[in-house]
Amino acid sequence: MCRFPPSVKCHPANMRLTSSNNRPREDSWLKSLFVRKVDPRKDAHSNLLAKKETSSLYKLQFHNVKPECLDAYNKICQEVLPKIHEDKHYPCTLVGTWNTWYGEQDQAVHLWRYEGGYPALTEVMNKLRENQEFVSFRKARSDMLLSRKNQLLLEFSFWNEPVPRSGPNIYELRSYQLRPGTMIEWGNYWARAIRFRQDGNEAVGGFFSQIGQLYMVHHLWAYKDLQTREDIRNAAWHKHGWEELVYYTVPLIQEMESRIMIPLKTSPLQ
């Protein structure tokens, strides 16, 4: 129905203008009815969302490898990275190391945990600069790479802490680029949503970025195979409340990506 007086022609452009002008007020009214209220306290995301009982920091690395070098890259990683993981001299843990199976091809993904936060990260980096085996490893690795990037992450308080698990499993890393200003709202919804995804022990870890690409969320899942993944995800839609949480979190997302990954033989997550 035209909202203009009879003297104004109901042109589609006018109708679009009216809809655009009214939309913020309509959206605000709808949100007041349906959207869960976010804690209004003034505090950093890291203080509101991260686990209070630990000070662990995570580093997520993405290495895009030259296709002809992937086997050699995996070989040197499996020789050197477990040594750092097992050496008590370094306050860090190799959580998992994978090759991407579906998603970006010829890609390696590594997840590290630093017990003690930023001071532990700095300590490890300084010690590795004096480790000649690691210096040689980095030099050899650099000749095999096309590009690389990393992010520093904290873990959500309501997610499981990643712990070693036996296999064989495939892993899915689901990455979400959120709209700036929506991280707390995302956390509020997923604090409820995670209970729908615990039945099969598939939830491995949930993280949000602190340095690198910001307003990034990563959810890590483990499945026996692709069909099991499909069955578990479909089953969630039959649980009352899941569809509502999906409905309200989707508008918070700008982009999303799914990687299916295969662990290397030396990965603690198998």
Protein backbone atom coordinates (compact mmCIF):
# COMPACT_ATOMS: atom_id res chain seq x y z
CA MET A 1 0.00 0.00 0.00
CA CYS A 2 1.27 3.50 -0.92
CA ARG A 3 2.19 5.60 2.15
CA PHE A 4 2.30 8.92 0.28
CA PRO A 5 -0.62 11.38 0.05
CA PRO A 6 -2.67 11.29 -3.16
CA SER A 7 -0.69 14.21 -4.57
CA VAL A 8 2.50 12.15 -4.60
CA LYS A 9 2.79 9.45 -7.18
CA CYS A 10 3.56 5.97 -5.88
CA HIS A 11 6.83 5.58 -7.74
CA PRO A 12 9.00 2.59 -6.77
CA ALA A 13 11.83 4.97 -5.85
CA ASN A 14 9.56 6.75 -3.39
CA MET A 15 8.50 3.47 -1.90
CA ARG A 16 12.13 2.41 -1.47
CA LEU A 17 12.91 5.73 0.19
CA THR A 18 10.07 5.33 2.65
CA SER A 19 11.11 1.75 3.45
CA SER A 20 14.72 2.85 3.98
CA ASN A 21 13.75 5.72 6.26
CA ASN A 22 11.52 3.55 8.42
CA ARG A 23 13.79 0.52 8.58
CA PRO A 24 16.02 1.61 11.50
CA ARG A 25 12.93 2.28 13.64
CA GLU A 26 11.33 -1.03 12.61
CA ASP A 27 14.56 -2.97 13.23
CA SER A 28 14.92 -1.37 16.65
CA TRP A 29 11.34 -2.30 17.57
CA LEU A 30 11.81 -5.90 16.41
CA LYS A 31 15.06 -6.26 18.31
CA SER A 32 13.42 -4.97 21.46
CA LEU A 33 10.98 -7.87 21.21
CA PHE A 34 13.20 -10.76 20.17
CA VAL A 35 16.94 -10.18 20.53
CA ARG A 36 18.60 -11.21 23.75
CA LYS A 37 20.01 -8.25 25.64
CA VAL A 38 23.78 -7.94 25.80
CA ASP A 39 25.49 -7.22 29.08
CA PRO A 40 25.90 -3.41 29.08
CA ARG A 41 29.08 -3.38 31.17
CA LYS A 42 32.01 -1.46 29.73
CA ASP A 43 34.80 -4.02 29.48
CA ALA A 44 37.07 -5.67 26.93
CA HIS A 45 35.82 -8.69 25.01
CA SER A 46 38.72 -10.70 26.39
CA ASN A 47 37.51 -10.08 29.97
CA LEU A 48 33.85 -10.80 29.24
CA LEU A 49 34.21 -13.87 27.02
CA ALA A 50 37.49 -15.66 27.82
CA LYS A 51 38.07 -18.29 30.48
CA LYS A 52 38.92 -16.72 33.82
CA GLU A 53 40.63 -19.77 35.30
CA THR A 54 43.36 -19.88 32.63
CA SER A 55 45.59 -17.32 30.98
CA SER A 56 46.27 -19.41 27.89
CA LEU A 57 46.84 -17.71 24.56
CA TYR A 58 46.45 -19.53 21.26
CA LYS A 59 48.20 -18.98 17.94
CA LEU A 60 46.54 -20.19 14.75
CA GLN A 61 48.83 -20.44 11.72
CA PHE A 62 47.84 -20.83 8.07
CA HIS A 63 50.63 -21.81 5.67
CA ASN A 64 49.96 -22.01 1.95
CA VAL A 65 52.53 -24.43 0.58
CA LYS A 66 53.88 -24.81 -2.92
CA PRO A 67 52.03 -27.88 -4.27
CA GLU A 68 55.25 -29.71 -5.15
CA CYS A 69 56.63 -29.10 -1.64
CA LEU A 70 53.75 -30.28 0.56
CA ASP A 71 55.23 -33.71 1.35
CA ALA A 72 58.61 -32.20 2.21
CA TYR A 73 56.93 -29.50 4.29
CA ASN A 74 54.95 -32.10 6.27
CA LYS A 75 58.12 -34.13 6.83
CA ILE A 76 60.13 -31.33 8.41
CA CYS A 77 57.15 -30.18 10.48
CA GLN A 78 56.70 -33.68 11.87
CA GLU A 79 60.41 -33.79 12.72
CA VAL A 80 60.72 -30.40 14.46
CA LEU A 81 57.36 -29.30 15.90
CA PRO A 82 56.90 -32.30 18.27
CA LYS A 83 60.30 -31.53 19.81
CA ILE A 84 59.14 -28.07 20.81
CA HIS A 85 55.86 -29.52 22.06
CA GLU A 86 57.63 -32.07 24.27
CA ASP A 87 60.39 -29.79 25.58
CA LYS A 88 59.44 -28.42 29.01
CA HIS A 89 61.87 -25.58 28.33
CA TYR A 90 59.14 -24.00 26.19
CA PRO A 91 55.84 -22.97 27.87
CA CYS A 92 53.77 -23.95 24.84
CA THR A 93 51.80 -26.90 23.53
CA LEU A 94 51.11 -28.04 19.99
CA VAL A 95 47.32 -28.48 20.08
CA GLY A 96 46.96 -29.77 16.53
CA THR A 97 48.53 -29.73 13.09
CA TRP A 98 46.66 -30.49 9.87
CA ASN A 99 46.53 -30.33 6.10
CA THR A 100 43.41 -28.83 4.57
CA TRP A 101 41.48 -31.50 2.66
CA TYR A 102 38.51 -29.42 1.47
CA GLY A 103 38.88 -25.65 1.33
CA GLU A 104 42.14 -23.99 0.33
CA GLN A 105 44.33 -26.67 -1.17
CA ASP A 106 47.97 -27.35 -0.27
CA GLN A 107 47.49 -25.60 3.05
CA ALA A 108 48.82 -26.46 6.50
CA VAL A 109 47.11 -25.32 9.70
CA HIS A 110 48.80 -25.32 13.11
CA LEU A 111 47.26 -24.47 16.49
CA TRP A 112 49.53 -23.67 19.46
CA ARG A 113 48.68 -22.92 23.09
CA TYR A 114 50.89 -20.69 25.27
CA GLU A 115 50.38 -21.37 28.97
CA GLY A 116 50.81 -17.97 30.60
CA GLY A 117 49.56 -15.71 27.83
CA TYR A 118 51.65 -13.04 26.15
CA PRO A 119 54.71 -13.42 28.44
CA ALA A 120 54.84 -17.12 27.53
CA LEU A 121 54.58 -16.28 23.82
CA THR A 122 57.44 -13.80 24.11
CA GLU A 123 59.55 -16.30 26.05
CA VAL A 124 59.03 -19.01 23.44
CA MET A 125 59.82 -16.68 20.55
CA ASN A 126 63.04 -15.48 22.22
CA LYS A 127 64.20 -19.02 22.98
CA LEU A 128 63.43 -20.26 19.48
CA ARG A 129 65.66 -17.55 18.02
CA GLU A 130 68.55 -19.23 19.85
CA ASN A 131 67.50 -22.74 18.75
CA GLN A 132 69.68 -23.48 15.74
CA GLU A 133 67.61 -26.47 14.67
CA PHE A 134 64.49 -24.28 14.58
CA VAL A 135 66.34 -21.49 12.75
CA SER A 136 67.37 -24.01 10.08
CA PHE A 137 63.82 -25.37 9.99
CA ARG A 138 62.37 -21.90 9.38
CA LYS A 139 64.85 -21.24 6.58
CA ALA A 140 64.01 -24.53 4.85
CA ARG A 141 60.30 -23.95 5.41
CA SER A 142 60.37 -20.46 3.89
CA ASP A 143 61.53 -21.90 0.56
CA MET A 144 58.42 -24.12 0.47
CA LEU A 145 55.77 -21.47 1.21
CA LEU A 146 53.67 -19.27 -1.04
CA SER A 147 52.21 -17.24 1.84
CA ARG A 148 51.45 -17.46 5.53
CA LYS A 149 49.42 -15.66 8.17
CA ASN A 150 48.59 -16.10 11.82
CA GLN A 151 46.21 -14.89 14.51
CA LEU A 152 46.42 -14.73 18.28
CA LEU A 153 43.27 -16.06 19.92
CA LEU A 154 41.57 -16.54 23.26
CA GLU A 155 39.18 -19.42 23.97
CA PHE A 156 35.53 -18.85 24.78
CA SER A 157 34.69 -19.61 28.39
CA PHE A 158 31.75 -21.87 27.46
CA TRP A 159 33.67 -24.10 25.01
CA ASN A 160 35.65 -27.22 25.75
CA GLU A 161 39.39 -26.81 26.16
CA PRO A 162 41.11 -28.70 23.32
CA VAL A 163 42.69 -31.89 24.63
CA PRO A 164 44.44 -34.70 22.73
CA ARG A 165 42.11 -37.30 21.28
CA SER A 166 42.60 -40.58 19.47
CA GLY A 167 41.51 -41.07 15.90
CA PRO A 168 40.99 -41.45 13.16
CA ASN A 169 38.98 -38.23 12.81
CA ILE A 170 38.49 -35.49 10.32
CA TYR A 171 38.37 -31.95 11.64
CA GLU A 172 36.28 -29.01 10.55
CA LEU A 173 37.46 -25.48 11.23
CA ARG A 174 34.53 -23.10 10.77
CA SER A 175 35.68 -19.47 10.66
CA TYR A 176 33.32 -16.53 10.99
CA GLN A 177 34.06 -12.88 10.25
CA LEU A 178 31.64 -11.00 12.48
CA ARG A 179 30.34 -7.49 12.06
CA PRO A 180 32.32 -5.14 14.33
CA GLY A 181 30.54 -4.65 17.65
CA THR A 182 28.75 -8.02 17.69
CA MET A 183 31.25 -10.27 19.48
CA ILE A 184 29.50 -10.09 22.86
CA GLU A 185 26.14 -10.81 21.25
CA TRP A 186 27.67 -13.82 19.46
CA GLY A 187 29.06 -15.08 22.75
CA ASN A 188 25.70 -14.72 24.48
CA TYR A 189 23.95 -16.83 21.85
CA TRP A 190 26.64 -19.50 21.55
CA ALA A 191 26.84 -19.94 25.30
CA ARG A 192 23.37 -21.47 24.86
CA ALA A 193 23.91 -22.99 21.41
CA ILE A 194 26.91 -25.13 22.37
CA ARG A 195 24.75 -27.45 24.50
CA PHE A 196 23.00 -28.61 21.31
CA ARG A 197 26.33 -29.79 19.87
CA GLN A 198 27.80 -31.84 22.72
CA ASP A 199 26.07 -35.20 22.29
CA GLY A 200 28.67 -36.75 20.01
CA ASN A 201 31.74 -35.20 21.66
CA GLU A 202 32.36 -33.37 18.39
CA ALA A 203 33.08 -29.94 19.93
CA VAL A 204 36.86 -29.49 20.18
CA GLY A 205 37.35 -25.76 20.83
CA GLY A 206 36.01 -22.27 20.23
CA PHE A 207 38.18 -19.16 19.89
CA PHE A 208 38.01 -15.45 19.09
CA SER A 209 40.80 -13.26 17.71
CA GLN A 210 42.84 -10.72 19.63
CA ILE A 211 45.57 -9.90 17.10
CA GLY A 212 45.51 -10.39 13.35
CA GLN A 213 42.17 -10.30 11.57
CA LEU A 214 39.80 -8.96 14.22
CA TYR A 215 36.22 -9.97 15.01
CA MET A 216 37.10 -13.48 13.85
CA VAL A 217 35.61 -16.55 15.50
CA HIS A 218 36.86 -20.09 14.95
CA HIS A 219 34.94 -23.25 15.94
CA LEU A 220 36.85 -26.53 15.74
CA TRP A 221 34.90 -29.80 15.42
CA ALA A 222 35.93 -33.47 15.13
CA TYR A 223 33.98 -36.15 13.24
CA LYS A 224 34.56 -39.76 12.31
CA ASP A 225 33.97 -38.96 8.64
CA LEU A 226 32.01 -36.65 6.35
CA GLN A 227 28.80 -38.65 6.62
CA THR A 228 28.94 -38.54 10.42
CA ARG A 229 29.41 -34.79 10.17
CA GLU A 230 26.32 -34.54 7.99
CA ASP A 231 24.24 -36.71 10.33
CA ILE A 232 25.25 -34.78 13.47
CA ARG A 233 24.61 -31.39 11.90
CA ASN A 234 21.20 -32.50 10.60
CA ALA A 235 20.25 -33.88 14.02
CA ALA A 236 20.82 -30.47 15.62
CA TRP A 237 17.88 -29.07 13.64
CA HIS A 238 15.53 -31.49 15.41
CA LYS A 239 16.44 -30.05 18.84
CA HIS A 240 14.07 -27.39 20.08
CA GLY A 241 15.79 -24.01 20.24
CA TRP A 242 18.63 -24.65 17.78
CA GLU A 243 16.86 -23.03 14.84
CA GLU A 244 16.18 -19.87 16.88
CA LEU A 245 19.83 -19.49 17.84
CA VAL A 246 20.93 -19.95 14.23
CA TYR A 247 18.32 -17.40 13.12
CA TYR A 248 19.70 -14.72 15.41
CA THR A 249 23.42 -15.40 14.92
CA VAL A 250 23.42 -15.44 11.10
CA PRO A 251 22.84 -11.64 10.83
CA LEU A 252 25.98 -11.09 12.94
CA ILE A 253 28.19 -12.70 10.26
CA GLN A 254 29.86 -10.87 7.38
CA GLU A 255 31.68 -13.89 5.92
CA MET A 256 32.14 -17.53 6.87
CA GLU A 257 34.37 -20.36 5.73
CA SER A 258 34.61 -24.09 6.38
CA ARG A 259 37.80 -26.14 6.14
CA ILE A 260 37.86 -29.93 6.38
CA MET A 261 41.28 -30.94 7.68
CA ILE A 262 43.27 -34.15 8.09
CA PRO A 263 45.68 -34.34 11.06
CA LEU A 264 49.34 -35.11 10.52
CA LYS A 265 50.64 -38.27 12.18
CA THR A 266 52.29 -36.29 14.98
CA SER A 267 49.25 -34.14 15.80
CA PRO A 268 47.96 -34.52 19.39
CA LEU A 269 44.47 -34.24 17.90
CA GLN A 270 44.02 -37.37 15.79
